PDB file of all heavy atoms in Angstrom:
ATOM      1  N   GLY A   1       9.597  -0.429  22.147  1.00  0.00           N
ATOM      2  CA  GLY A   1      10.344   0.694  21.612  1.00  0.00           C
ATOM      3  C   GLY A   1      11.186   0.338  20.399  1.00  0.00           C
ATOM      4  O   GLY A   1      11.709   1.234  19.721  1.00  0.00           O
ATOM      5  N   GLY A   2      11.318  -0.950  20.129  1.00  0.00           N
ATOM      6  CA  GLY A   2      12.124  -1.393  19.007  1.00  0.00           C
ATOM      7  C   GLY A   2      11.370  -1.362  17.697  1.00  0.00           C
ATOM      8  O   GLY A   2      10.226  -0.895  17.608  1.00  0.00           O
ATOM      9  N   SER A   3      12.026  -1.883  16.662  1.00  0.00           N
ATOM     10  CA  SER A   3      11.475  -1.849  15.308  1.00  0.00           C
ATOM     11  C   SER A   3      11.586  -3.208  14.636  1.00  0.00           C
ATOM     12  O   SER A   3      12.491  -3.989  14.937  1.00  0.00           O
ATOM     13  CB  SER A   3      12.229  -0.815  14.457  1.00  0.00           C
ATOM     14  OG  SER A   3      12.099   0.481  14.985  1.00  0.00           O
ATOM     15  N   LEU A   4      10.680  -3.453  13.727  1.00  0.00           N
ATOM     16  CA  LEU A   4      10.717  -4.620  12.853  1.00  0.00           C
ATOM     17  C   LEU A   4      10.181  -4.199  11.496  1.00  0.00           C
ATOM     18  O   LEU A   4       9.365  -3.279  11.405  1.00  0.00           O
ATOM     19  CB  LEU A   4       9.854  -5.757  13.394  1.00  0.00           C
ATOM     20  CG  LEU A   4      10.362  -6.574  14.571  1.00  0.00           C
ATOM     21  CD1 LEU A   4       9.265  -7.532  15.036  1.00  0.00           C
ATOM     22  CD2 LEU A   4      11.612  -7.351  14.203  1.00  0.00           C
ATOM     23  N   ARG A   5      10.615  -4.888  10.452  1.00  0.00           N
ATOM     24  CA  ARG A   5      10.054  -4.655   9.126  1.00  0.00           C
ATOM     25  C   ARG A   5       9.552  -5.974   8.562  1.00  0.00           C
ATOM     26  O   ARG A   5      10.303  -6.950   8.494  1.00  0.00           O
ATOM     27  CB  ARG A   5      11.079  -4.046   8.171  1.00  0.00           C
ATOM     28  CG  ARG A   5      10.439  -3.604   6.859  1.00  0.00           C
ATOM     29  CD  ARG A   5      11.383  -2.889   5.930  1.00  0.00           C
ATOM     30  NE  ARG A   5      12.165  -3.812   5.124  1.00  0.00           N
ATOM     31  CZ  ARG A   5      12.631  -3.520   3.909  1.00  0.00           C
ATOM     32  NH1 ARG A   5      12.386  -2.341   3.373  1.00  0.00           N
ATOM     33  NH2 ARG A   5      13.366  -4.399   3.255  1.00  0.00           N
ATOM     34  N   LEU A   6       8.299  -5.968   8.185  1.00  0.00           N
ATOM     35  CA  LEU A   6       7.683  -7.117   7.539  1.00  0.00           C
ATOM     36  C   LEU A   6       7.682  -6.913   6.027  1.00  0.00           C
ATOM     37  O   LEU A   6       7.521  -5.795   5.548  1.00  0.00           O
ATOM     38  CB  LEU A   6       6.254  -7.314   8.022  1.00  0.00           C
ATOM     39  CG  LEU A   6       6.031  -7.414   9.528  1.00  0.00           C
ATOM     40  CD1 LEU A   6       4.557  -7.674   9.817  1.00  0.00           C
ATOM     41  CD2 LEU A   6       6.909  -8.469  10.142  1.00  0.00           C
ATOM     42  N   SER A   7       7.848  -8.006   5.311  1.00  0.00           N
ATOM     43  CA  SER A   7       7.787  -7.977   3.852  1.00  0.00           C
ATOM     44  C   SER A   7       6.748  -8.980   3.377  1.00  0.00           C
ATOM     45  O   SER A   7       6.547 -10.023   4.008  1.00  0.00           O
ATOM     46  CB  SER A   7       9.132  -8.346   3.235  1.00  0.00           C
ATOM     47  OG  SER A   7      10.137  -7.443   3.633  1.00  0.00           O
ATOM     48  N   CYS A   8       6.113  -8.661   2.272  1.00  0.00           N
ATOM     49  CA  CYS A   8       5.125  -9.559   1.676  1.00  0.00           C
ATOM     50  C   CYS A   8       5.344  -9.540   0.169  1.00  0.00           C
ATOM     51  O   CYS A   8       5.090  -8.526  -0.489  1.00  0.00           O
ATOM     52  CB  CYS A   8       3.717  -9.104   2.014  1.00  0.00           C
ATOM     53  SG  CYS A   8       2.417 -10.074   1.224  1.00  0.00           S
ATOM     54  N   ALA A   9       5.843 -10.643  -0.351  1.00  0.00           N
ATOM     55  CA  ALA A   9       6.131 -10.744  -1.779  1.00  0.00           C
ATOM     56  C   ALA A   9       4.992 -11.463  -2.486  1.00  0.00           C
ATOM     57  O   ALA A   9       4.609 -12.571  -2.089  1.00  0.00           O
ATOM     58  CB  ALA A   9       7.440 -11.481  -1.996  1.00  0.00           C
ATOM     59  N   ALA A  10       4.475 -10.837  -3.526  1.00  0.00           N
ATOM     60  CA  ALA A  10       3.366 -11.412  -4.285  1.00  0.00           C
ATOM     61  C   ALA A  10       3.876 -12.010  -5.583  1.00  0.00           C
ATOM     62  O   ALA A  10       4.786 -11.474  -6.220  1.00  0.00           O
ATOM     63  CB  ALA A  10       2.332 -10.334  -4.582  1.00  0.00           C
ATOM     64  N   SER A  11       3.270 -13.111  -5.966  1.00  0.00           N
ATOM     65  CA  SER A  11       3.588 -13.743  -7.243  1.00  0.00           C
ATOM     66  C   SER A  11       2.305 -14.302  -7.847  1.00  0.00           C
ATOM     67  O   SER A  11       1.282 -14.408  -7.183  1.00  0.00           O
ATOM     68  CB  SER A  11       4.631 -14.847  -7.073  1.00  0.00           C
ATOM     69  OG  SER A  11       4.139 -15.859  -6.213  1.00  0.00           O
ATOM     70  N   GLY A  12       2.376 -14.663  -9.102  1.00  0.00           N
ATOM     71  CA  GLY A  12       1.195 -15.176  -9.795  1.00  0.00           C
ATOM     72  C   GLY A  12       0.519 -14.068 -10.577  1.00  0.00           C
ATOM     73  O   GLY A  12       1.180 -13.223 -11.174  1.00  0.00           O
ATOM     74  N   ARG A  13      -0.789 -14.024 -10.516  1.00  0.00           N
ATOM     75  CA  ARG A  13      -1.571 -13.058 -11.298  1.00  0.00           C
ATOM     76  C   ARG A  13      -1.659 -11.717 -10.586  1.00  0.00           C
ATOM     77  O   ARG A  13      -2.737 -11.234 -10.246  1.00  0.00           O
ATOM     78  CB  ARG A  13      -2.953 -13.618 -11.592  1.00  0.00           C
ATOM     79  CG  ARG A  13      -2.911 -14.929 -12.389  1.00  0.00           C
ATOM     80  CD  ARG A  13      -4.286 -15.400 -12.786  1.00  0.00           C
ATOM     81  NE  ARG A  13      -4.928 -14.478 -13.729  1.00  0.00           N
ATOM     82  CZ  ARG A  13      -6.097 -14.704 -14.305  1.00  0.00           C
ATOM     83  NH1 ARG A  13      -6.772 -15.803 -14.018  1.00  0.00           N
ATOM     84  NH2 ARG A  13      -6.617 -13.833 -15.138  1.00  0.00           N
ATOM     85  N   THR A  14      -0.517 -11.098 -10.413  1.00  0.00           N
ATOM     86  CA  THR A  14      -0.449  -9.864  -9.631  1.00  0.00           C
ATOM     87  C   THR A  14      -1.054  -8.663 -10.351  1.00  0.00           C
ATOM     88  O   THR A  14      -1.358  -7.652  -9.708  1.00  0.00           O
ATOM     89  CB  THR A  14       0.989  -9.557  -9.243  1.00  0.00           C
ATOM     90  OG1 THR A  14       1.774  -9.473 -10.445  1.00  0.00           O
ATOM     91  CG2 THR A  14       1.564 -10.641  -8.353  1.00  0.00           C
ATOM     92  N   LEU A  15      -1.224  -8.747 -11.657  1.00  0.00           N
ATOM     93  CA  LEU A  15      -1.809  -7.615 -12.381  1.00  0.00           C
ATOM     94  C   LEU A  15      -3.235  -7.333 -11.953  1.00  0.00           C
ATOM     95  O   LEU A  15      -3.761  -6.241 -12.151  1.00  0.00           O
ATOM     96  CB  LEU A  15      -1.756  -7.874 -13.893  1.00  0.00           C
ATOM     97  CG  LEU A  15      -0.375  -7.784 -14.536  1.00  0.00           C
ATOM     98  CD1 LEU A  15      -0.469  -8.105 -16.021  1.00  0.00           C
ATOM     99  CD2 LEU A  15       0.214  -6.378 -14.339  1.00  0.00           C
ATOM    100  N   SER A  16      -3.879  -8.337 -11.344  1.00  0.00           N
ATOM    101  CA  SER A  16      -5.261  -8.162 -10.897  1.00  0.00           C
ATOM    102  C   SER A  16      -5.355  -7.500  -9.525  1.00  0.00           C
ATOM    103  O   SER A  16      -6.443  -7.173  -9.058  1.00  0.00           O
ATOM    104  CB  SER A  16      -5.962  -9.521 -10.849  1.00  0.00           C
ATOM    105  OG  SER A  16      -5.335 -10.367  -9.899  1.00  0.00           O
ATOM    106  N   THR A  17      -4.221  -7.259  -8.896  1.00  0.00           N
ATOM    107  CA  THR A  17      -4.223  -6.711  -7.531  1.00  0.00           C
ATOM    108  C   THR A  17      -4.589  -5.227  -7.538  1.00  0.00           C
ATOM    109  O   THR A  17      -3.971  -4.438  -8.245  1.00  0.00           O
ATOM    110  CB  THR A  17      -2.852  -6.894  -6.887  1.00  0.00           C
ATOM    111  OG1 THR A  17      -2.533  -8.292  -6.835  1.00  0.00           O
ATOM    112  CG2 THR A  17      -2.837  -6.323  -5.489  1.00  0.00           C
ATOM    113  N   SER A  18      -5.564  -4.863  -6.732  1.00  0.00           N
ATOM    114  CA  SER A  18      -5.949  -3.462  -6.605  1.00  0.00           C
ATOM    115  C   SER A  18      -5.400  -2.848  -5.325  1.00  0.00           C
ATOM    116  O   SER A  18      -5.232  -1.629  -5.238  1.00  0.00           O
ATOM    117  CB  SER A  18      -7.467  -3.315  -6.623  1.00  0.00           C
ATOM    118  OG  SER A  18      -8.055  -4.083  -5.584  1.00  0.00           O
ATOM    119  N   GLY A  19      -5.127  -3.679  -4.333  1.00  0.00           N
ATOM    120  CA  GLY A  19      -4.597  -3.170  -3.080  1.00  0.00           C
ATOM    121  C   GLY A  19      -4.046  -4.288  -2.224  1.00  0.00           C
ATOM    122  O   GLY A  19      -4.383  -5.459  -2.433  1.00  0.00           O
ATOM    123  N   MET A  20      -3.190  -3.908  -1.305  1.00  0.00           N
ATOM    124  CA  MET A  20      -2.633  -4.894  -0.373  1.00  0.00           C
ATOM    125  C   MET A  20      -2.714  -4.339   1.028  1.00  0.00           C
ATOM    126  O   MET A  20      -2.525  -3.132   1.252  1.00  0.00           O
ATOM    127  CB  MET A  20      -1.199  -5.235  -0.751  1.00  0.00           C
ATOM    128  CG  MET A  20      -1.111  -5.945  -2.089  1.00  0.00           C
ATOM    129  SD  MET A  20       0.550  -6.499  -2.499  1.00  0.00           S
ATOM    130  CE  MET A  20       0.737  -7.873  -1.360  1.00  0.00           C
ATOM    131  N   GLY A  21      -2.994  -5.222   1.968  1.00  0.00           N
ATOM    132  CA  GLY A  21      -3.175  -4.785   3.337  1.00  0.00           C
ATOM    133  C   GLY A  21      -2.447  -5.672   4.324  1.00  0.00           C
ATOM    134  O   GLY A  21      -2.059  -6.800   4.006  1.00  0.00           O
ATOM    135  N   TRP A  22      -2.241  -5.112   5.491  1.00  0.00           N
ATOM    136  CA  TRP A  22      -1.701  -5.850   6.625  1.00  0.00           C
ATOM    137  C   TRP A  22      -2.780  -5.925   7.707  1.00  0.00           C
ATOM    138  O   TRP A  22      -3.428  -4.922   8.012  1.00  0.00           O
ATOM    139  CB  TRP A  22      -0.465  -5.167   7.189  1.00  0.00           C
ATOM    140  CG  TRP A  22       0.741  -5.267   6.312  1.00  0.00           C
ATOM    141  CD1 TRP A  22       1.198  -4.337   5.430  1.00  0.00           C
ATOM    142  CD2 TRP A  22       1.660  -6.369   6.246  1.00  0.00           C
ATOM    143  NE1 TRP A  22       2.338  -4.792   4.814  1.00  0.00           N
ATOM    144  CE2 TRP A  22       2.648  -6.032   5.295  1.00  0.00           C
ATOM    145  CE3 TRP A  22       1.748  -7.605   6.891  1.00  0.00           C
ATOM    146  CZ2 TRP A  22       3.702  -6.884   4.963  1.00  0.00           C
ATOM    147  CZ3 TRP A  22       2.791  -8.441   6.568  1.00  0.00           C
ATOM    148  CH2 TRP A  22       3.756  -8.090   5.619  1.00  0.00           C
ATOM    149  N   PHE A  23      -2.922  -7.097   8.261  1.00  0.00           N
ATOM    150  CA  PHE A  23      -3.857  -7.329   9.353  1.00  0.00           C
ATOM    151  C   PHE A  23      -3.105  -8.054  10.464  1.00  0.00           C
ATOM    152  O   PHE A  23      -2.020  -8.598  10.228  1.00  0.00           O
ATOM    153  CB  PHE A  23      -5.038  -8.191   8.884  1.00  0.00           C
ATOM    154  CG  PHE A  23      -5.948  -7.485   7.914  1.00  0.00           C
ATOM    155  CD1 PHE A  23      -5.594  -7.337   6.583  1.00  0.00           C
ATOM    156  CD2 PHE A  23      -7.163  -6.967   8.345  1.00  0.00           C
ATOM    157  CE1 PHE A  23      -6.432  -6.673   5.687  1.00  0.00           C
ATOM    158  CE2 PHE A  23      -8.011  -6.313   7.461  1.00  0.00           C
ATOM    159  CZ  PHE A  23      -7.637  -6.168   6.134  1.00  0.00           C
ATOM    160  N   ARG A  24      -3.672  -8.070  11.654  1.00  0.00           N
ATOM    161  CA  ARG A  24      -3.036  -8.810  12.741  1.00  0.00           C
ATOM    162  C   ARG A  24      -4.100  -9.427  13.637  1.00  0.00           C
ATOM    163  O   ARG A  24      -5.236  -8.950  13.702  1.00  0.00           O
ATOM    164  CB  ARG A  24      -2.117  -7.898  13.548  1.00  0.00           C
ATOM    165  CG  ARG A  24      -2.823  -6.790  14.323  1.00  0.00           C
ATOM    166  CD  ARG A  24      -1.795  -5.846  14.934  1.00  0.00           C
ATOM    167  NE  ARG A  24      -2.432  -4.797  15.731  1.00  0.00           N
ATOM    168  CZ  ARG A  24      -1.761  -3.782  16.253  1.00  0.00           C
ATOM    169  NH1 ARG A  24      -0.442  -3.671  16.073  1.00  0.00           N
ATOM    170  NH2 ARG A  24      -2.392  -2.872  16.979  1.00  0.00           N
ATOM    171  N   GLN A  25      -3.685 -10.482  14.317  1.00  0.00           N
ATOM    172  CA  GLN A  25      -4.602 -11.179  15.201  1.00  0.00           C
ATOM    173  C   GLN A  25      -3.867 -11.600  16.460  1.00  0.00           C
ATOM    174  O   GLN A  25      -2.931 -12.394  16.401  1.00  0.00           O
ATOM    175  CB  GLN A  25      -5.200 -12.402  14.501  1.00  0.00           C
ATOM    176  CG  GLN A  25      -6.304 -13.080  15.275  1.00  0.00           C
ATOM    177  CD  GLN A  25      -7.074 -14.074  14.429  1.00  0.00           C
ATOM    178  OE1 GLN A  25      -6.622 -14.511  13.367  1.00  0.00           O
ATOM    179  NE2 GLN A  25      -8.262 -14.448  14.877  1.00  0.00           N
ATOM    180  N   ALA A  26      -4.296 -11.034  17.567  1.00  0.00           N
ATOM    181  CA  ALA A  26      -3.739 -11.395  18.866  1.00  0.00           C
ATOM    182  C   ALA A  26      -4.511 -12.585  19.422  1.00  0.00           C
ATOM    183  O   ALA A  26      -5.659 -12.835  19.025  1.00  0.00           O
ATOM    184  CB  ALA A  26      -3.833 -10.209  19.813  1.00  0.00           C
ATOM    185  N   PRO A  27      -3.921 -13.333  20.342  1.00  0.00           N
ATOM    186  CA  PRO A  27      -4.607 -14.491  20.912  1.00  0.00           C
ATOM    187  C   PRO A  27      -5.955 -14.110  21.512  1.00  0.00           C
ATOM    188  O   PRO A  27      -6.048 -13.144  22.272  1.00  0.00           O
ATOM    189  CB  PRO A  27      -3.635 -14.966  21.994  1.00  0.00           C
ATOM    190  CG  PRO A  27      -2.305 -14.496  21.534  1.00  0.00           C
ATOM    191  CD  PRO A  27      -2.551 -13.190  20.853  1.00  0.00           C
ATOM    192  N   GLY A  28      -6.976 -14.838  21.127  1.00  0.00           N
ATOM    193  CA  GLY A  28      -8.311 -14.603  21.661  1.00  0.00           C
ATOM    194  C   GLY A  28      -9.023 -13.407  21.081  1.00  0.00           C
ATOM    195  O   GLY A  28     -10.130 -13.065  21.503  1.00  0.00           O
ATOM    196  N   GLU A  29      -8.386 -12.765  20.093  1.00  0.00           N
ATOM    197  CA  GLU A  29      -8.974 -11.566  19.502  1.00  0.00           C
ATOM    198  C   GLU A  29      -9.322 -11.822  18.031  1.00  0.00           C
ATOM    199  O   GLU A  29      -8.838 -12.762  17.411  1.00  0.00           O
ATOM    200  CB  GLU A  29      -7.999 -10.393  19.582  1.00  0.00           C
ATOM    201  CG  GLU A  29      -7.560 -10.029  20.980  1.00  0.00           C
ATOM    202  CD  GLU A  29      -8.680  -9.406  21.798  1.00  0.00           C
ATOM    203  OE1 GLU A  29      -9.570  -8.772  21.196  1.00  0.00           O
ATOM    204  OE2 GLU A  29      -8.659  -9.567  23.033  1.00  0.00           O
ATOM    205  N   GLU A  30     -10.149 -10.939  17.493  1.00  0.00           N
ATOM    206  CA  GLU A  30     -10.464 -11.023  16.073  1.00  0.00           C
ATOM    207  C   GLU A  30      -9.324 -10.411  15.257  1.00  0.00           C
ATOM    208  O   GLU A  30      -8.579  -9.559  15.736  1.00  0.00           O
ATOM    209  CB  GLU A  30     -11.770 -10.276  15.784  1.00  0.00           C
ATOM    210  CG  GLU A  30     -12.995 -10.912  16.414  1.00  0.00           C
ATOM    211  CD  GLU A  30     -14.271 -10.226  16.012  1.00  0.00           C
ATOM    212  OE1 GLU A  30     -14.209  -9.149  15.401  1.00  0.00           O
ATOM    213  OE2 GLU A  30     -15.347 -10.771  16.302  1.00  0.00           O
ATOM    214  N   ARG A  31      -9.236 -10.847  14.029  1.00  0.00           N
ATOM    215  CA  ARG A  31      -8.246 -10.271  13.124  1.00  0.00           C
ATOM    216  C   ARG A  31      -8.643  -8.830  12.833  1.00  0.00           C
ATOM    217  O   ARG A  31      -9.813  -8.529  12.545  1.00  0.00           O
ATOM    218  CB  ARG A  31      -8.172 -11.075  11.829  1.00  0.00           C
ATOM    219  CG  ARG A  31      -6.969 -10.778  10.981  1.00  0.00           C
ATOM    220  CD  ARG A  31      -6.825 -11.775   9.835  1.00  0.00           C
ATOM    221  NE  ARG A  31      -6.616 -13.142  10.331  1.00  0.00           N
ATOM    222  CZ  ARG A  31      -6.306 -14.175   9.545  1.00  0.00           C
ATOM    223  NH1 ARG A  31      -6.152 -13.976   8.248  1.00  0.00           N
ATOM    224  NH2 ARG A  31      -6.164 -15.371  10.065  1.00  0.00           N
ATOM    225  N   GLU A  32      -7.670  -7.934  12.905  1.00  0.00           N
ATOM    226  CA  GLU A  32      -7.965  -6.518  12.734  1.00  0.00           C
ATOM    227  C   GLU A  32      -7.073  -5.876  11.687  1.00  0.00           C
ATOM    228  O   GLU A  32      -5.935  -6.293  11.455  1.00  0.00           O
ATOM    229  CB  GLU A  32      -7.803  -5.767  14.061  1.00  0.00           C
ATOM    230  CG  GLU A  32      -6.388  -5.731  14.593  1.00  0.00           C
ATOM    231  CD  GLU A  32      -6.235  -4.873  15.835  1.00  0.00           C
ATOM    232  OE1 GLU A  32      -7.247  -4.387  16.381  1.00  0.00           O
ATOM    233  OE2 GLU A  32      -5.078  -4.677  16.273  1.00  0.00           O
ATOM    234  N   PHE A  33      -7.608  -4.828  11.103  1.00  0.00           N
ATOM    235  CA  PHE A  33      -6.900  -4.063  10.083  1.00  0.00           C
ATOM    236  C   PHE A  33      -5.740  -3.280  10.706  1.00  0.00           C
ATOM    237  O   PHE A  33      -5.870  -2.722  11.799  1.00  0.00           O
ATOM    238  CB  PHE A  33      -7.878  -3.105   9.415  1.00  0.00           C
ATOM    239  CG  PHE A  33      -7.230  -2.051   8.560  1.00  0.00           C
ATOM    240  CD1 PHE A  33      -6.696  -2.382   7.321  1.00  0.00           C
ATOM    241  CD2 PHE A  33      -7.133  -0.736   8.999  1.00  0.00           C
ATOM    242  CE1 PHE A  33      -6.084  -1.420   6.537  1.00  0.00           C
ATOM    243  CE2 PHE A  33      -6.528   0.232   8.221  1.00  0.00           C
ATOM    244  CZ  PHE A  33      -6.004  -0.109   6.986  1.00  0.00           C
ATOM    245  N   VAL A  34      -4.614  -3.229   9.998  1.00  0.00           N
ATOM    246  CA  VAL A  34      -3.458  -2.466  10.441  1.00  0.00           C
ATOM    247  C   VAL A  34      -3.131  -1.346   9.451  1.00  0.00           C
ATOM    248  O   VAL A  34      -3.056  -0.177   9.818  1.00  0.00           O
ATOM    249  CB  VAL A  34      -2.226  -3.381  10.615  1.00  0.00           C
ATOM    250  CG1 VAL A  34      -0.988  -2.560  10.964  1.00  0.00           C
ATOM    251  CG2 VAL A  34      -2.490  -4.441  11.673  1.00  0.00           C
ATOM    252  N   ALA A  35      -2.901  -1.716   8.205  1.00  0.00           N
ATOM    253  CA  ALA A  35      -2.511  -0.732   7.195  1.00  0.00           C
ATOM    254  C   ALA A  35      -2.812  -1.292   5.810  1.00  0.00           C
ATOM    255  O   ALA A  35      -2.893  -2.504   5.641  1.00  0.00           O
ATOM    256  CB  ALA A  35      -1.028  -0.398   7.308  1.00  0.00           C
ATOM    257  N   ALA A  36      -2.959  -0.389   4.848  1.00  0.00           N
ATOM    258  CA  ALA A  36      -3.250  -0.818   3.488  1.00  0.00           C
ATOM    259  C   ALA A  36      -2.725   0.196   2.497  1.00  0.00           C
ATOM    260  O   ALA A  36      -2.555   1.382   2.831  1.00  0.00           O
ATOM    261  CB  ALA A  36      -4.758  -1.005   3.291  1.00  0.00           C
ATOM    262  N   ILE A  37      -2.487  -0.281   1.276  1.00  0.00           N
ATOM    263  CA  ILE A  37      -2.023   0.596   0.219  1.00  0.00           C
ATOM    264  C   ILE A  37      -2.737   0.244  -1.075  1.00  0.00           C
ATOM    265  O   ILE A  37      -2.867  -0.932  -1.420  1.00  0.00           O
ATOM    266  CB  ILE A  37      -0.483   0.502   0.067  1.00  0.00           C
ATOM    267  CG1 ILE A  37       0.019   1.524  -0.945  1.00  0.00           C
ATOM    268  CG2 ILE A  37      -0.031  -0.904  -0.305  1.00  0.00           C
ATOM    269  CD1 ILE A  37       1.534   1.746  -0.868  1.00  0.00           C
ATOM    270  N   ASN A  38      -3.238   1.267  -1.739  1.00  0.00           N
ATOM    271  CA  ASN A  38      -3.839   1.081  -3.059  1.00  0.00           C
ATOM    272  C   ASN A  38      -2.702   0.850  -4.048  1.00  0.00           C
ATOM    273  O   ASN A  38      -1.837   1.714  -4.206  1.00  0.00           O
ATOM    274  CB  ASN A  38      -4.653   2.315  -3.430  1.00  0.00           C
ATOM    275  CG  ASN A  38      -5.421   2.135  -4.730  1.00  0.00           C
ATOM    276  OD1 ASN A  38      -4.850   1.755  -5.756  1.00  0.00           O
ATOM    277  ND2 ASN A  38      -6.704   2.430  -4.691  1.00  0.00           N
ATOM    278  N   TRP A  39      -2.720  -0.321  -4.649  1.00  0.00           N
ATOM    279  CA  TRP A  39      -1.575  -0.701  -5.476  1.00  0.00           C
ATOM    280  C   TRP A  39      -1.420   0.207  -6.685  1.00  0.00           C
ATOM    281  O   TRP A  39      -0.303   0.424  -7.172  1.00  0.00           O
ATOM    282  CB  TRP A  39      -1.747  -2.149  -5.942  1.00  0.00           C
ATOM    283  CG  TRP A  39      -0.466  -2.782  -6.365  1.00  0.00           C
ATOM    284  CD1 TRP A  39      -0.098  -3.120  -7.637  1.00  0.00           C
ATOM    285  CD2 TRP A  39       0.635  -3.121  -5.521  1.00  0.00           C
ATOM    286  NE1 TRP A  39       1.163  -3.649  -7.624  1.00  0.00           N
ATOM    287  CE2 TRP A  39       1.633  -3.681  -6.351  1.00  0.00           C
ATOM    288  CE3 TRP A  39       0.876  -3.013  -4.152  1.00  0.00           C
ATOM    289  CZ2 TRP A  39       2.846  -4.129  -5.837  1.00  0.00           C
ATOM    290  CZ3 TRP A  39       2.079  -3.463  -3.655  1.00  0.00           C
ATOM    291  CH2 TRP A  39       3.047  -4.007  -4.492  1.00  0.00           C
ATOM    292  N   ARG A  40      -2.537   0.737  -7.187  1.00  0.00           N
ATOM    293  CA  ARG A  40      -2.481   1.558  -8.399  1.00  0.00           C
ATOM    294  C   ARG A  40      -2.211   3.021  -8.092  1.00  0.00           C
ATOM    295  O   ARG A  40      -1.376   3.652  -8.724  1.00  0.00           O
ATOM    296  CB  ARG A  40      -3.787   1.376  -9.171  1.00  0.00           C
ATOM    297  CG  ARG A  40      -3.956  -0.045  -9.691  1.00  0.00           C
ATOM    298  CD  ARG A  40      -5.382  -0.386 -10.005  1.00  0.00           C
ATOM    299  NE  ARG A  40      -5.503  -1.808 -10.377  1.00  0.00           N
ATOM    300  CZ  ARG A  40      -6.642  -2.473 -10.423  1.00  0.00           C
ATOM    301  NH1 ARG A  40      -7.774  -1.867 -10.147  1.00  0.00           N
ATOM    302  NH2 ARG A  40      -6.666  -3.750 -10.757  1.00  0.00           N
ATOM    303  N   SER A  41      -2.901   3.586  -7.112  1.00  0.00           N
ATOM    304  CA  SER A  41      -2.766   5.013  -6.842  1.00  0.00           C
ATOM    305  C   SER A  41      -1.709   5.329  -5.802  1.00  0.00           C
ATOM    306  O   SER A  41      -1.214   6.455  -5.725  1.00  0.00           O
ATOM    307  CB  SER A  41      -4.104   5.580  -6.362  1.00  0.00           C
ATOM    308  OG  SER A  41      -4.400   5.110  -5.057  1.00  0.00           O
ATOM    309  N   GLY A  42      -1.394   4.338  -4.961  1.00  0.00           N
ATOM    310  CA  GLY A  42      -0.462   4.582  -3.870  1.00  0.00           C
ATOM    311  C   GLY A  42      -1.097   5.154  -2.624  1.00  0.00           C
ATOM    312  O   GLY A  42      -0.387   5.425  -1.649  1.00  0.00           O
ATOM    313  N   SER A  43      -2.401   5.342  -2.620  1.00  0.00           N
ATOM    314  CA  SER A  43      -3.067   5.854  -1.426  1.00  0.00           C
ATOM    315  C   SER A  43      -2.831   4.892  -0.262  1.00  0.00           C
ATOM    316  O   SER A  43      -2.841   3.677  -0.437  1.00  0.00           O
ATOM    317  CB  SER A  43      -4.566   6.006  -1.676  1.00  0.00           C
ATOM    318  OG  SER A  43      -4.808   6.983  -2.661  1.00  0.00           O
ATOM    319  N   ILE A  44      -2.638   5.485   0.903  1.00  0.00           N
ATOM    320  CA  ILE A  44      -2.271   4.711   2.086  1.00  0.00           C
ATOM    321  C   ILE A  44      -3.290   4.933   3.195  1.00  0.00           C
ATOM    322  O   ILE A  44      -3.803   6.047   3.360  1.00  0.00           O
ATOM    323  CB  ILE A  44      -0.850   5.110   2.545  1.00  0.00           C
ATOM    324  CG1 ILE A  44       0.188   4.550   1.560  1.00  0.00           C
ATOM    325  CG2 ILE A  44      -0.563   4.639   3.951  1.00  0.00           C
ATOM    326  CD1 ILE A  44       1.592   5.018   1.818  1.00  0.00           C
ATOM    327  N   TYR A  45      -3.527   3.881   3.964  1.00  0.00           N
ATOM    328  CA  TYR A  45      -4.495   3.926   5.054  1.00  0.00           C
ATOM    329  C   TYR A  45      -3.900   3.224   6.272  1.00  0.00           C
ATOM    330  O   TYR A  45      -3.207   2.216   6.134  1.00  0.00           O
ATOM    331  CB  TYR A  45      -5.792   3.211   4.638  1.00  0.00           C
ATOM    332  CG  TYR A  45      -6.277   3.560   3.263  1.00  0.00           C
ATOM    333  CD1 TYR A  45      -5.935   2.778   2.158  1.00  0.00           C
ATOM    334  CD2 TYR A  45      -7.084   4.678   3.041  1.00  0.00           C
ATOM    335  CE1 TYR A  45      -6.377   3.096   0.889  1.00  0.00           C
ATOM    336  CE2 TYR A  45      -7.530   5.000   1.769  1.00  0.00           C
ATOM    337  CZ  TYR A  45      -7.173   4.203   0.701  1.00  0.00           C
ATOM    338  OH  TYR A  45      -7.607   4.526  -0.556  1.00  0.00           O
ATOM    339  N   TYR A  46      -4.202   3.759   7.450  1.00  0.00           N
ATOM    340  CA  TYR A  46      -3.706   3.171   8.692  1.00  0.00           C
ATOM    341  C   TYR A  46      -4.821   3.062   9.721  1.00  0.00           C
ATOM    342  O   TYR A  46      -5.713   3.905   9.774  1.00  0.00           O
ATOM    343  CB  TYR A  46      -2.591   4.032   9.302  1.00  0.00           C
ATOM    344  CG  TYR A  46      -1.333   4.098   8.491  1.00  0.00           C
ATOM    345  CD1 TYR A  46      -1.023   5.235   7.753  1.00  0.00           C
ATOM    346  CD2 TYR A  46      -0.435   3.033   8.480  1.00  0.00           C
ATOM    347  CE1 TYR A  46       0.140   5.304   7.010  1.00  0.00           C
ATOM    348  CE2 TYR A  46       0.733   3.096   7.738  1.00  0.00           C
ATOM    349  CZ  TYR A  46       1.016   4.238   7.005  1.00  0.00           C
ATOM    350  OH  TYR A  46       2.160   4.299   6.268  1.00  0.00           O
TER     351      TYR A  46
END
């Protein structure tokens, strides 16, 4: 029921970035998609 906020700071050749995503991996499970944002348009996916 609680909350957390994750941050991801990018550096380097960031002008080439088209989108950024969050993924997660639980023990014994495959890495899975969580959320993403199109860096240029702002479109969001969950």
